[in-house]
């Protein structure tokens, strides 16, 4: 076993390719609020919507994800009920126009237009899958069921089980780096969990 080199970015385990572009059936699998962050438009309260793609399965023999549905994340969306906010126009109004809370978006079906683009990162080129557009489901078309647990993580009413069991390190760090983290319900939950673990 060689020494750990933090500059070695080679993947541990089989790499997972990107889903083939196109217009594909999708369902909302996750909604994650990450708090307030600095953006090019100032400080915004942000969230992500994750769409699972029942007809785009991962082909990565040897990986735990082999045969599972690909999942595509939106760009950061501003948590706003403004009629001009992309959360409303591009997602809620298509998925569930009468939604009273974000958790109601879970498992909602739609069609997603996805495309892949390459981004230069240092010496390597990484391919990212982007959601170009969300549209309604054509009449008579059935969108396959999710193959992953669905969840909504609320910044104001955080759930301990979701925090511990469903979120991953990178998204937890993003949540904890929010400008409104100090004094938030999430911080209170995290401190309580840490105290319980030390007891």
N, C-alpha and C. Protein backbone atom coordinates (compact mmCIF):
# COMPACT_ATOMS: atom_id res chain seq x y z
N UNK A 1 0.86 -1.18 0.00
CA UNK A 1 0.00 0.00 0.00
C UNK A 1 0.89 1.23 0.00
N UNK A 2 0.77 2.06 -1.04
CA UNK A 2 1.60 3.26 -1.14
C UNK A 2 1.13 4.35 -0.19
N UNK A 3 1.95 5.37 -0.07
CA UNK A 3 1.59 6.52 0.77
C UNK A 3 0.47 7.30 0.13
N UNK A 4 -0.34 7.92 0.98
CA UNK A 4 -1.44 8.76 0.49
C UNK A 4 -0.88 10.06 -0.06
N UNK A 5 -1.23 10.36 -1.29
CA UNK A 5 -0.82 11.62 -1.91
C UNK A 5 -2.06 12.46 -2.16
N UNK A 6 -2.24 13.56 -1.40
CA UNK A 6 -3.45 14.35 -1.57
C UNK A 6 -3.59 14.98 -2.96
N UNK A 7 -2.49 14.99 -3.73
CA UNK A 7 -2.56 15.55 -5.08
C UNK A 7 -2.97 14.52 -6.12
N UNK A 8 -3.03 13.25 -5.70
CA UNK A 8 -3.44 12.20 -6.63
C UNK A 8 -4.97 12.19 -6.71
N UNK A 9 -5.50 12.63 -7.84
CA UNK A 9 -6.95 12.77 -7.99
C UNK A 9 -7.58 11.55 -8.66
N UNK A 10 -6.80 10.48 -8.83
CA UNK A 10 -7.38 9.31 -9.50
C UNK A 10 -8.50 8.74 -8.64
N UNK A 11 -9.50 8.25 -9.30
CA UNK A 11 -10.71 7.79 -8.62
C UNK A 11 -10.45 6.50 -7.87
N UNK A 12 -11.14 6.34 -6.74
CA UNK A 12 -11.09 5.07 -6.03
C UNK A 12 -12.35 4.30 -6.43
N UNK A 13 -12.19 3.26 -7.17
CA UNK A 13 -13.34 2.48 -7.63
C UNK A 13 -13.67 2.82 -9.08
N UNK A 14 -14.61 2.06 -9.65
CA UNK A 14 -14.95 2.25 -11.07
C UNK A 14 -15.55 3.63 -11.30
N UNK A 15 -15.16 4.25 -12.41
CA UNK A 15 -15.72 5.57 -12.70
C UNK A 15 -17.11 5.39 -13.31
N UNK A 16 -17.95 6.37 -13.05
CA UNK A 16 -19.33 6.33 -13.55
C UNK A 16 -19.45 7.35 -14.67
N UNK A 17 -19.81 6.89 -15.85
CA UNK A 17 -19.94 7.78 -16.99
C UNK A 17 -21.19 8.64 -16.86
N UNK A 18 -21.29 9.61 -17.74
CA UNK A 18 -22.45 10.50 -17.75
C UNK A 18 -23.60 9.87 -18.54
N UNK A 19 -24.84 10.21 -18.18
CA UNK A 19 -25.96 9.68 -18.96
C UNK A 19 -25.97 10.25 -20.37
N UNK A 20 -26.52 9.49 -21.30
CA UNK A 20 -26.63 9.95 -22.68
C UNK A 20 -27.58 11.14 -22.76
N UNK A 21 -27.19 12.21 -23.47
CA UNK A 21 -28.08 13.38 -23.59
C UNK A 21 -29.40 13.02 -24.27
N UNK A 22 -30.39 13.89 -24.06
CA UNK A 22 -31.68 13.70 -24.71
C UNK A 22 -32.81 14.22 -23.85
N UNK A 23 -34.03 13.97 -24.29
CA UNK A 23 -35.23 14.30 -23.53
C UNK A 23 -35.68 13.00 -22.86
N UNK A 24 -35.63 12.98 -21.53
CA UNK A 24 -35.80 11.72 -20.80
C UNK A 24 -36.82 11.88 -19.66
N UNK A 25 -37.53 10.78 -19.34
CA UNK A 25 -38.41 10.82 -18.18
C UNK A 25 -37.58 11.03 -16.91
N UNK A 26 -38.15 11.71 -15.93
CA UNK A 26 -37.44 12.00 -14.68
C UNK A 26 -38.43 12.13 -13.54
N UNK A 27 -37.94 11.93 -12.34
CA UNK A 27 -38.72 12.17 -11.12
C UNK A 27 -37.84 12.89 -10.11
N UNK A 28 -38.47 13.73 -9.29
CA UNK A 28 -37.72 14.44 -8.25
C UNK A 28 -37.40 13.45 -7.13
N UNK A 29 -36.11 13.29 -6.85
CA UNK A 29 -35.67 12.36 -5.81
C UNK A 29 -35.25 13.08 -4.53
N UNK A 30 -34.71 14.29 -4.68
CA UNK A 30 -34.20 15.01 -3.51
C UNK A 30 -34.37 16.51 -3.71
N UNK A 31 -34.69 17.18 -2.62
CA UNK A 31 -34.65 18.64 -2.56
C UNK A 31 -33.81 18.98 -1.34
N UNK A 32 -32.72 19.71 -1.55
CA UNK A 32 -31.80 20.01 -0.44
C UNK A 32 -31.57 21.51 -0.35
N UNK A 33 -31.99 22.10 0.77
CA UNK A 33 -31.71 23.51 1.03
C UNK A 33 -30.32 23.62 1.66
N UNK A 34 -29.51 24.56 1.16
CA UNK A 34 -28.12 24.68 1.65
C UNK A 34 -27.85 26.01 2.33
N UNK A 35 -28.88 26.84 2.54
CA UNK A 35 -28.70 28.10 3.25
C UNK A 35 -28.24 29.23 2.35
N UNK A 36 -27.84 30.33 2.97
CA UNK A 36 -27.45 31.53 2.24
C UNK A 36 -25.98 31.50 1.83
N UNK A 37 -25.74 31.79 0.56
CA UNK A 37 -24.37 31.80 0.03
C UNK A 37 -24.17 33.02 -0.87
N UNK A 38 -22.92 33.44 -0.97
CA UNK A 38 -22.57 34.54 -1.87
C UNK A 38 -22.63 34.04 -3.31
N UNK A 39 -23.33 34.76 -4.15
CA UNK A 39 -23.39 34.45 -5.57
C UNK A 39 -22.99 35.70 -6.34
N UNK A 40 -22.94 35.59 -7.66
CA UNK A 40 -22.59 36.79 -8.44
C UNK A 40 -23.70 37.83 -8.39
N UNK A 41 -24.87 37.43 -7.88
CA UNK A 41 -25.99 38.38 -7.73
C UNK A 41 -26.20 38.77 -6.26
N UNK A 42 -25.16 38.56 -5.44
CA UNK A 42 -25.28 38.88 -4.02
C UNK A 42 -25.59 37.64 -3.20
N UNK A 43 -25.92 37.84 -1.94
CA UNK A 43 -26.22 36.72 -1.04
C UNK A 43 -27.61 36.19 -1.34
N UNK A 44 -27.69 34.87 -1.60
CA UNK A 44 -28.98 34.24 -1.94
C UNK A 44 -29.17 32.97 -1.11
N UNK A 45 -30.42 32.70 -0.78
CA UNK A 45 -30.81 31.48 -0.08
C UNK A 45 -30.99 30.40 -1.14
N UNK A 46 -30.18 29.34 -1.10
CA UNK A 46 -30.09 28.41 -2.22
C UNK A 46 -30.58 27.00 -1.89
N UNK A 47 -30.96 26.28 -2.94
CA UNK A 47 -31.30 24.87 -2.82
C UNK A 47 -30.98 24.17 -4.14
N UNK A 48 -30.95 22.84 -4.07
CA UNK A 48 -30.76 22.01 -5.26
C UNK A 48 -31.95 21.06 -5.38
N UNK A 49 -32.33 20.76 -6.61
CA UNK A 49 -33.30 19.69 -6.88
C UNK A 49 -32.54 18.60 -7.65
N UNK A 50 -32.69 17.38 -7.18
CA UNK A 50 -32.06 16.23 -7.83
C UNK A 50 -33.13 15.42 -8.54
N UNK A 51 -32.93 15.21 -9.84
CA UNK A 51 -33.85 14.43 -10.65
C UNK A 51 -33.22 13.06 -10.94
N UNK A 52 -33.98 12.00 -10.69
CA UNK A 52 -33.54 10.65 -11.02
C UNK A 52 -34.13 10.29 -12.39
N UNK A 53 -33.35 9.56 -13.19
CA UNK A 53 -33.71 9.27 -14.58
C UNK A 53 -33.97 7.77 -14.76
N UNK A 54 -35.25 7.34 -14.70
CA UNK A 54 -35.56 5.91 -14.74
C UNK A 54 -35.10 5.18 -16.00
N UNK A 55 -34.92 5.89 -17.13
CA UNK A 55 -34.50 5.20 -18.36
C UNK A 55 -33.00 5.35 -18.63
N UNK A 56 -32.29 6.00 -17.74
CA UNK A 56 -30.83 6.14 -17.89
C UNK A 56 -30.17 5.46 -16.71
N UNK A 57 -29.74 4.21 -16.93
CA UNK A 57 -29.15 3.43 -15.85
C UNK A 57 -27.63 3.46 -15.92
N UNK A 58 -27.01 3.42 -14.76
CA UNK A 58 -25.55 3.50 -14.65
C UNK A 58 -24.94 2.17 -15.09
N UNK A 59 -23.96 2.25 -15.98
CA UNK A 59 -23.23 1.07 -16.44
C UNK A 59 -21.82 1.15 -15.90
N UNK A 60 -21.63 0.58 -14.72
CA UNK A 60 -20.31 0.63 -14.06
C UNK A 60 -20.11 -0.65 -13.27
N UNK A 61 -19.81 -1.77 -13.98
CA UNK A 61 -19.62 -3.05 -13.29
C UNK A 61 -18.59 -2.91 -12.17
N UNK A 62 -18.90 -3.48 -11.03
CA UNK A 62 -18.00 -3.38 -9.89
C UNK A 62 -18.33 -2.22 -8.96
N UNK A 63 -19.19 -1.33 -9.41
CA UNK A 63 -19.61 -0.20 -8.58
C UNK A 63 -20.91 -0.53 -7.87
N UNK A 64 -21.08 0.04 -6.67
CA UNK A 64 -22.34 -0.13 -5.95
C UNK A 64 -23.51 0.47 -6.72
N UNK A 65 -23.21 1.39 -7.65
CA UNK A 65 -24.27 2.09 -8.37
C UNK A 65 -24.62 1.44 -9.70
N UNK A 66 -23.93 0.35 -10.07
CA UNK A 66 -24.20 -0.32 -11.34
C UNK A 66 -25.67 -0.73 -11.42
N UNK A 67 -26.34 -0.34 -12.53
CA UNK A 67 -27.74 -0.69 -12.72
C UNK A 67 -28.72 0.24 -12.05
N UNK A 68 -28.21 1.22 -11.27
CA UNK A 68 -29.10 2.20 -10.63
C UNK A 68 -29.37 3.36 -11.58
N UNK A 69 -30.41 4.12 -11.30
CA UNK A 69 -30.76 5.26 -12.14
C UNK A 69 -29.73 6.38 -11.98
N UNK A 70 -29.36 6.99 -13.11
CA UNK A 70 -28.56 8.21 -13.05
C UNK A 70 -29.37 9.29 -12.34
N UNK A 71 -28.65 10.21 -11.68
CA UNK A 71 -29.31 11.33 -11.04
C UNK A 71 -28.62 12.61 -11.50
N UNK A 72 -29.40 13.63 -11.81
CA UNK A 72 -28.85 14.90 -12.29
C UNK A 72 -29.33 16.01 -11.36
N UNK A 73 -28.40 16.88 -10.98
CA UNK A 73 -28.70 17.97 -10.06
C UNK A 73 -28.87 19.28 -10.82
N UNK A 74 -29.79 20.10 -10.34
CA UNK A 74 -29.92 21.43 -10.93
C UNK A 74 -28.72 22.29 -10.54
N UNK A 75 -28.54 23.40 -11.24
CA UNK A 75 -27.65 24.44 -10.75
C UNK A 75 -28.26 24.96 -9.44
N UNK A 76 -27.50 25.70 -8.61
CA UNK A 76 -28.09 26.25 -7.39
C UNK A 76 -29.29 27.13 -7.74
N UNK A 77 -30.41 26.89 -7.08
CA UNK A 77 -31.63 27.64 -7.33
C UNK A 77 -31.92 28.56 -6.14
N UNK A 78 -32.37 29.77 -6.42
CA UNK A 78 -32.70 30.71 -5.36
C UNK A 78 -34.04 30.31 -4.75
N UNK A 79 -34.05 30.18 -3.41
CA UNK A 79 -35.29 29.83 -2.70
C UNK A 79 -36.16 31.07 -2.66
N UNK A 80 -37.06 31.18 -3.60
CA UNK A 80 -37.89 32.37 -3.72
C UNK A 80 -39.22 31.99 -4.34
N UNK A 81 -40.28 32.65 -3.86
CA UNK A 81 -41.61 32.41 -4.43
C UNK A 81 -41.95 33.46 -5.49
N UNK A 82 -40.96 34.28 -5.85
CA UNK A 82 -41.17 35.28 -6.89
C UNK A 82 -41.55 34.60 -8.20
N UNK A 83 -42.49 35.18 -8.91
CA UNK A 83 -42.92 34.61 -10.19
C UNK A 83 -41.79 34.58 -11.21
N UNK A 84 -40.74 35.37 -10.97
CA UNK A 84 -39.63 35.41 -11.93
C UNK A 84 -38.49 34.45 -11.54
N UNK A 85 -38.54 33.90 -10.34
CA UNK A 85 -37.46 33.01 -9.89
C UNK A 85 -37.49 31.71 -10.69
N UNK A 86 -36.31 31.23 -11.07
CA UNK A 86 -36.25 30.00 -11.89
C UNK A 86 -36.80 28.79 -11.13
N UNK A 87 -36.70 28.80 -9.79
CA UNK A 87 -37.30 27.72 -9.01
C UNK A 87 -38.78 27.61 -9.33
N UNK A 88 -39.44 28.76 -9.40
CA UNK A 88 -40.88 28.77 -9.68
C UNK A 88 -41.17 28.49 -11.14
N UNK A 89 -40.55 29.27 -12.04
CA UNK A 89 -40.90 29.18 -13.46
C UNK A 89 -40.46 27.86 -14.09
N UNK A 90 -39.25 27.41 -13.74
CA UNK A 90 -38.69 26.25 -14.43
C UNK A 90 -38.99 24.92 -13.76
N UNK A 91 -39.40 24.93 -12.49
CA UNK A 91 -39.57 23.67 -11.77
C UNK A 91 -40.95 23.55 -11.12
N UNK A 92 -41.26 24.40 -10.13
CA UNK A 92 -42.51 24.25 -9.40
C UNK A 92 -43.72 24.38 -10.32
N UNK A 93 -43.72 25.37 -11.20
CA UNK A 93 -44.88 25.57 -12.07
C UNK A 93 -45.10 24.41 -13.03
N UNK A 94 -44.07 23.64 -13.29
CA UNK A 94 -44.19 22.48 -14.17
C UNK A 94 -44.50 21.22 -13.38
N UNK A 95 -43.85 21.08 -12.21
CA UNK A 95 -44.01 19.87 -11.41
C UNK A 95 -45.32 19.85 -10.64
N UNK A 96 -45.59 20.95 -9.89
CA UNK A 96 -46.77 21.00 -9.02
C UNK A 96 -47.08 22.46 -8.72
N UNK A 97 -47.80 23.12 -9.63
CA UNK A 97 -48.02 24.57 -9.51
C UNK A 97 -48.69 25.00 -8.20
N UNK A 98 -49.45 24.10 -7.57
CA UNK A 98 -50.14 24.46 -6.33
C UNK A 98 -49.39 24.03 -5.08
N UNK A 99 -48.11 23.65 -5.21
CA UNK A 99 -47.32 23.19 -4.06
C UNK A 99 -47.25 24.26 -2.98
N UNK A 100 -47.50 23.84 -1.74
CA UNK A 100 -47.43 24.74 -0.59
C UNK A 100 -46.08 24.67 0.11
N UNK A 101 -45.34 23.58 -0.15
CA UNK A 101 -44.00 23.43 0.43
C UNK A 101 -43.15 22.59 -0.52
N UNK A 102 -41.85 22.72 -0.35
CA UNK A 102 -40.92 22.07 -1.29
C UNK A 102 -40.98 20.54 -1.22
N UNK A 103 -41.34 19.99 -0.06
CA UNK A 103 -41.43 18.54 0.06
C UNK A 103 -42.46 17.94 -0.87
N UNK A 104 -43.44 18.76 -1.32
CA UNK A 104 -44.47 18.25 -2.23
C UNK A 104 -43.92 17.97 -3.63
N UNK A 105 -42.72 18.45 -3.91
CA UNK A 105 -42.12 18.19 -5.23
C UNK A 105 -41.59 16.76 -5.35
N UNK A 106 -41.34 16.12 -4.21
CA UNK A 106 -40.75 14.77 -4.24
C UNK A 106 -41.61 13.80 -5.02
N UNK A 107 -40.96 13.01 -5.84
CA UNK A 107 -41.56 11.95 -6.65
C UNK A 107 -42.42 12.48 -7.80
N UNK A 108 -42.45 13.80 -7.99
CA UNK A 108 -43.23 14.35 -9.10
C UNK A 108 -42.55 13.99 -10.43
N UNK A 109 -43.31 13.50 -11.41
CA UNK A 109 -42.72 13.13 -12.69
C UNK A 109 -42.65 14.31 -13.65
N UNK A 110 -41.72 14.22 -14.59
CA UNK A 110 -41.60 15.24 -15.63
C UNK A 110 -40.75 14.66 -16.75
N UNK A 111 -40.47 15.48 -17.75
CA UNK A 111 -39.48 15.14 -18.76
C UNK A 111 -38.35 16.16 -18.63
N UNK A 112 -37.13 15.69 -18.65
CA UNK A 112 -35.97 16.57 -18.52
C UNK A 112 -35.14 16.50 -19.80
N UNK A 113 -34.76 17.66 -20.29
CA UNK A 113 -33.81 17.73 -21.40
C UNK A 113 -32.43 17.87 -20.78
N UNK A 114 -31.57 16.87 -21.03
CA UNK A 114 -30.22 16.90 -20.44
C UNK A 114 -29.16 16.94 -21.54
N UNK A 115 -28.03 17.54 -21.20
CA UNK A 115 -26.91 17.61 -22.13
C UNK A 115 -25.62 17.54 -21.33
N UNK A 116 -24.56 17.10 -21.97
CA UNK A 116 -23.26 17.02 -21.32
C UNK A 116 -22.33 18.09 -21.86
N UNK A 117 -21.55 18.69 -20.96
CA UNK A 117 -20.54 19.63 -21.44
C UNK A 117 -19.23 19.42 -20.69
N UNK A 118 -18.14 19.67 -21.39
CA UNK A 118 -16.80 19.48 -20.83
C UNK A 118 -16.30 20.78 -20.21
N UNK A 119 -15.70 20.65 -19.03
CA UNK A 119 -15.14 21.80 -18.33
C UNK A 119 -13.69 21.51 -17.99
N UNK A 120 -12.80 22.44 -18.38
CA UNK A 120 -11.38 22.29 -18.09
C UNK A 120 -11.15 22.59 -16.61
N UNK A 121 -10.53 21.67 -15.89
CA UNK A 121 -10.22 21.86 -14.47
C UNK A 121 -8.75 21.50 -14.27
N UNK A 122 -7.90 22.54 -14.28
CA UNK A 122 -6.47 22.27 -14.20
C UNK A 122 -6.01 21.55 -15.44
N UNK A 123 -5.40 20.38 -15.25
CA UNK A 123 -4.90 19.60 -16.39
C UNK A 123 -5.93 18.62 -16.94
N UNK A 124 -7.06 18.49 -16.26
CA UNK A 124 -8.02 17.49 -16.72
C UNK A 124 -9.32 18.14 -17.18
N UNK A 125 -10.02 17.41 -18.05
CA UNK A 125 -11.32 17.85 -18.54
C UNK A 125 -12.37 16.99 -17.88
N UNK A 126 -13.34 17.63 -17.24
CA UNK A 126 -14.42 16.90 -16.59
C UNK A 126 -15.71 17.15 -17.36
N UNK A 127 -16.51 16.10 -17.46
CA UNK A 127 -17.79 16.20 -18.17
C UNK A 127 -18.91 16.28 -17.15
N UNK A 128 -19.74 17.30 -17.29
CA UNK A 128 -20.87 17.50 -16.40
C UNK A 128 -22.17 17.37 -17.18
N UNK A 129 -23.18 16.79 -16.53
CA UNK A 129 -24.50 16.70 -17.14
C UNK A 129 -25.35 17.85 -16.62
N UNK A 130 -25.95 18.59 -17.52
CA UNK A 130 -26.77 19.74 -17.16
C UNK A 130 -28.22 19.50 -17.55
N UNK A 131 -29.12 20.05 -16.73
CA UNK A 131 -30.54 20.05 -17.06
C UNK A 131 -30.80 21.32 -17.87
N UNK A 132 -31.18 21.16 -19.11
CA UNK A 132 -31.43 22.30 -19.98
C UNK A 132 -32.86 22.81 -19.79
N UNK A 133 -33.79 21.86 -19.59
CA UNK A 133 -35.19 22.25 -19.49
C UNK A 133 -35.99 21.13 -18.83
N UNK A 134 -37.04 21.53 -18.12
CA UNK A 134 -38.00 20.58 -17.55
C UNK A 134 -39.34 20.83 -18.24
N UNK A 135 -40.04 19.76 -18.60
CA UNK A 135 -41.36 19.92 -19.21
C UNK A 135 -42.30 18.88 -18.63
N UNK A 136 -43.60 19.07 -18.85
CA UNK A 136 -44.59 18.15 -18.34
C UNK A 136 -44.53 16.80 -19.03
N UNK A 137 -45.23 15.83 -18.46
CA UNK A 137 -45.27 14.48 -19.02
C UNK A 137 -46.38 14.41 -20.07
N UNK A 138 -46.06 13.97 -21.28
CA UNK A 138 -47.10 13.85 -22.31
C UNK A 138 -48.21 12.89 -21.87
N UNK A 139 -49.42 13.17 -22.31
CA UNK A 139 -50.56 12.34 -21.95
C UNK A 139 -50.33 10.90 -22.37
N UNK A 140 -50.65 9.99 -21.46
CA UNK A 140 -50.54 8.57 -21.76
C UNK A 140 -49.16 7.98 -21.50
N UNK A 141 -48.19 8.81 -21.13
CA UNK A 141 -46.84 8.33 -20.88
C UNK A 141 -46.67 8.08 -19.38
N UNK A 142 -46.11 6.93 -19.03
CA UNK A 142 -45.87 6.59 -17.62
C UNK A 142 -44.38 6.74 -17.34
N UNK A 143 -44.05 7.52 -16.32
CA UNK A 143 -42.65 7.69 -15.91
C UNK A 143 -42.34 6.64 -14.85
N UNK A 144 -41.25 5.90 -15.05
CA UNK A 144 -40.87 4.84 -14.13
C UNK A 144 -40.68 5.34 -12.70
N UNK A 145 -40.77 4.43 -11.75
CA UNK A 145 -40.64 4.78 -10.33
C UNK A 145 -39.18 5.00 -9.95
N UNK A 146 -38.98 5.74 -8.86
CA UNK A 146 -37.64 5.97 -8.33
C UNK A 146 -37.05 4.66 -7.78
N UNK A 147 -35.74 4.52 -7.89
CA UNK A 147 -35.08 3.36 -7.28
C UNK A 147 -34.20 3.79 -6.11
N UNK A 148 -34.47 4.98 -5.57
CA UNK A 148 -33.68 5.50 -4.46
C UNK A 148 -34.62 6.18 -3.47
N UNK A 149 -34.27 6.18 -2.19
CA UNK A 149 -35.14 6.88 -1.23
C UNK A 149 -35.21 8.37 -1.57
N UNK A 150 -36.40 8.94 -1.42
CA UNK A 150 -36.57 10.36 -1.70
C UNK A 150 -36.55 11.13 -0.38
N UNK A 151 -36.02 12.35 -0.42
CA UNK A 151 -36.04 13.14 0.81
C UNK A 151 -35.93 14.63 0.51
N UNK A 152 -36.42 15.41 1.47
CA UNK A 152 -36.34 16.87 1.44
C UNK A 152 -35.62 17.33 2.69
N UNK A 153 -34.49 18.04 2.54
CA UNK A 153 -33.78 18.57 3.69
C UNK A 153 -34.08 20.05 3.80
N UNK A 154 -34.78 20.43 4.87
CA UNK A 154 -35.16 21.82 5.11
C UNK A 154 -34.12 22.48 6.01
N UNK A 155 -33.67 23.67 5.63
CA UNK A 155 -32.70 24.40 6.44
C UNK A 155 -33.31 24.89 7.75
N UNK A 156 -34.59 25.24 7.70
CA UNK A 156 -35.25 25.79 8.89
C UNK A 156 -35.81 24.71 9.80
N UNK A 157 -36.10 23.54 9.24
CA UNK A 157 -36.61 22.43 10.04
C UNK A 157 -35.83 21.16 9.69
N UNK A 158 -34.52 21.14 10.04
CA UNK A 158 -33.67 20.02 9.62
C UNK A 158 -34.04 18.72 10.33
N UNK A 159 -33.87 17.64 9.60
CA UNK A 159 -34.19 16.31 10.11
C UNK A 159 -32.90 15.56 10.41
N UNK A 160 -32.77 15.07 11.65
CA UNK A 160 -31.53 14.41 12.08
C UNK A 160 -31.23 13.17 11.26
N UNK A 161 -32.25 12.37 10.97
CA UNK A 161 -32.03 11.12 10.23
C UNK A 161 -31.54 11.41 8.81
N UNK A 162 -32.12 12.43 8.17
CA UNK A 162 -31.66 12.79 6.83
C UNK A 162 -30.23 13.29 6.90
N UNK A 163 -29.92 14.14 7.88
CA UNK A 163 -28.56 14.67 8.04
C UNK A 163 -27.55 13.55 8.21
N UNK A 164 -27.87 12.58 9.08
CA UNK A 164 -26.92 11.50 9.40
C UNK A 164 -26.84 10.44 8.31
N UNK A 165 -28.00 10.07 7.75
CA UNK A 165 -28.05 8.88 6.91
C UNK A 165 -28.14 9.13 5.41
N UNK A 166 -28.62 10.32 5.00
CA UNK A 166 -28.88 10.54 3.59
C UNK A 166 -27.93 11.56 2.95
N UNK A 167 -27.49 12.55 3.72
CA UNK A 167 -26.58 13.54 3.15
C UNK A 167 -25.15 13.03 3.15
N UNK A 168 -24.33 13.57 2.28
CA UNK A 168 -22.94 13.15 2.16
C UNK A 168 -22.05 14.32 2.57
N UNK A 169 -20.75 14.02 2.78
CA UNK A 169 -19.84 15.00 3.39
C UNK A 169 -19.82 16.34 2.65
N UNK A 170 -19.73 16.29 1.33
CA UNK A 170 -19.57 17.54 0.57
C UNK A 170 -20.79 18.46 0.73
N UNK A 171 -21.99 17.89 0.71
CA UNK A 171 -23.19 18.73 0.84
C UNK A 171 -23.35 19.21 2.28
N UNK A 172 -22.95 18.36 3.25
CA UNK A 172 -23.00 18.81 4.66
C UNK A 172 -22.05 19.99 4.87
N UNK A 173 -20.87 19.91 4.27
CA UNK A 173 -19.91 21.03 4.40
C UNK A 173 -20.46 22.30 3.76
N UNK A 174 -21.14 22.16 2.63
CA UNK A 174 -21.72 23.33 1.98
C UNK A 174 -22.80 23.96 2.87
N UNK A 175 -23.60 23.11 3.49
CA UNK A 175 -24.64 23.61 4.39
C UNK A 175 -24.01 24.32 5.59
N UNK A 176 -22.95 23.74 6.14
CA UNK A 176 -22.31 24.34 7.33
C UNK A 176 -21.52 25.60 6.98
N UNK A 177 -21.22 25.80 5.69
CA UNK A 177 -20.49 27.00 5.29
C UNK A 177 -21.44 28.14 4.92
N UNK A 178 -22.74 27.93 5.07
CA UNK A 178 -23.72 28.97 4.74
C UNK A 178 -23.49 30.20 5.62
N UNK A 179 -23.77 31.37 5.05
CA UNK A 179 -23.57 32.63 5.77
C UNK A 179 -24.54 32.76 6.94
N UNK A 180 -25.66 32.06 6.88
CA UNK A 180 -26.63 32.11 7.97
C UNK A 180 -26.60 30.85 8.83
N UNK A 181 -25.46 30.12 8.81
CA UNK A 181 -25.36 28.88 9.59
C UNK A 181 -25.34 29.16 11.09
N UNK A 182 -24.56 30.16 11.49
CA UNK A 182 -24.44 30.46 12.92
C UNK A 182 -25.79 30.88 13.48
N UNK A 183 -26.23 30.19 14.51
CA UNK A 183 -27.51 30.49 15.12
C UNK A 183 -28.70 29.85 14.42
N UNK A 184 -28.44 29.06 13.37
CA UNK A 184 -29.53 28.44 12.60
C UNK A 184 -30.01 27.16 13.28
N UNK A 185 -31.16 26.67 12.83
CA UNK A 185 -31.68 25.41 13.32
C UNK A 185 -30.74 24.25 12.96
N UNK A 186 -30.05 24.37 11.83
CA UNK A 186 -29.10 23.32 11.43
C UNK A 186 -27.93 23.28 12.41
N UNK A 187 -27.37 24.44 12.74
CA UNK A 187 -26.25 24.46 13.68
C UNK A 187 -26.68 23.88 15.03
N UNK A 188 -27.86 24.26 15.48
CA UNK A 188 -28.37 23.74 16.76
C UNK A 188 -28.46 22.21 16.71
N UNK A 189 -28.95 21.67 15.59
CA UNK A 189 -29.06 20.22 15.44
C UNK A 189 -27.68 19.57 15.44
N UNK A 190 -26.74 20.15 14.67
CA UNK A 190 -25.39 19.58 14.57
C UNK A 190 -24.70 19.57 15.94
N UNK A 191 -24.81 20.67 16.67
CA UNK A 191 -24.19 20.74 18.01
C UNK A 191 -24.81 19.71 18.95
N UNK A 192 -26.13 19.54 18.85
CA UNK A 192 -26.81 18.55 19.70
C UNK A 192 -26.34 17.14 19.35
N UNK A 193 -26.22 16.85 18.05
CA UNK A 193 -25.76 15.51 17.63
C UNK A 193 -24.33 15.26 18.08
N UNK A 194 -23.47 16.28 17.97
CA UNK A 194 -22.07 16.13 18.40
C UNK A 194 -22.00 15.88 19.90
N UNK A 195 -22.82 16.59 20.67
CA UNK A 195 -22.84 16.39 22.12
C UNK A 195 -23.32 14.99 22.48
N UNK A 196 -24.32 14.48 21.75
CA UNK A 196 -24.83 13.14 22.01
C UNK A 196 -23.76 12.09 21.68
N UNK A 197 -22.99 12.33 20.63
CA UNK A 197 -21.95 11.37 20.24
C UNK A 197 -20.81 11.33 21.25
N UNK A 198 -20.60 12.44 21.96
CA UNK A 198 -19.49 12.52 22.92
C UNK A 198 -19.92 11.99 24.28
N UNK A 199 -21.23 11.89 24.48
CA UNK A 199 -21.74 11.45 25.80
C UNK A 199 -21.44 9.98 26.04
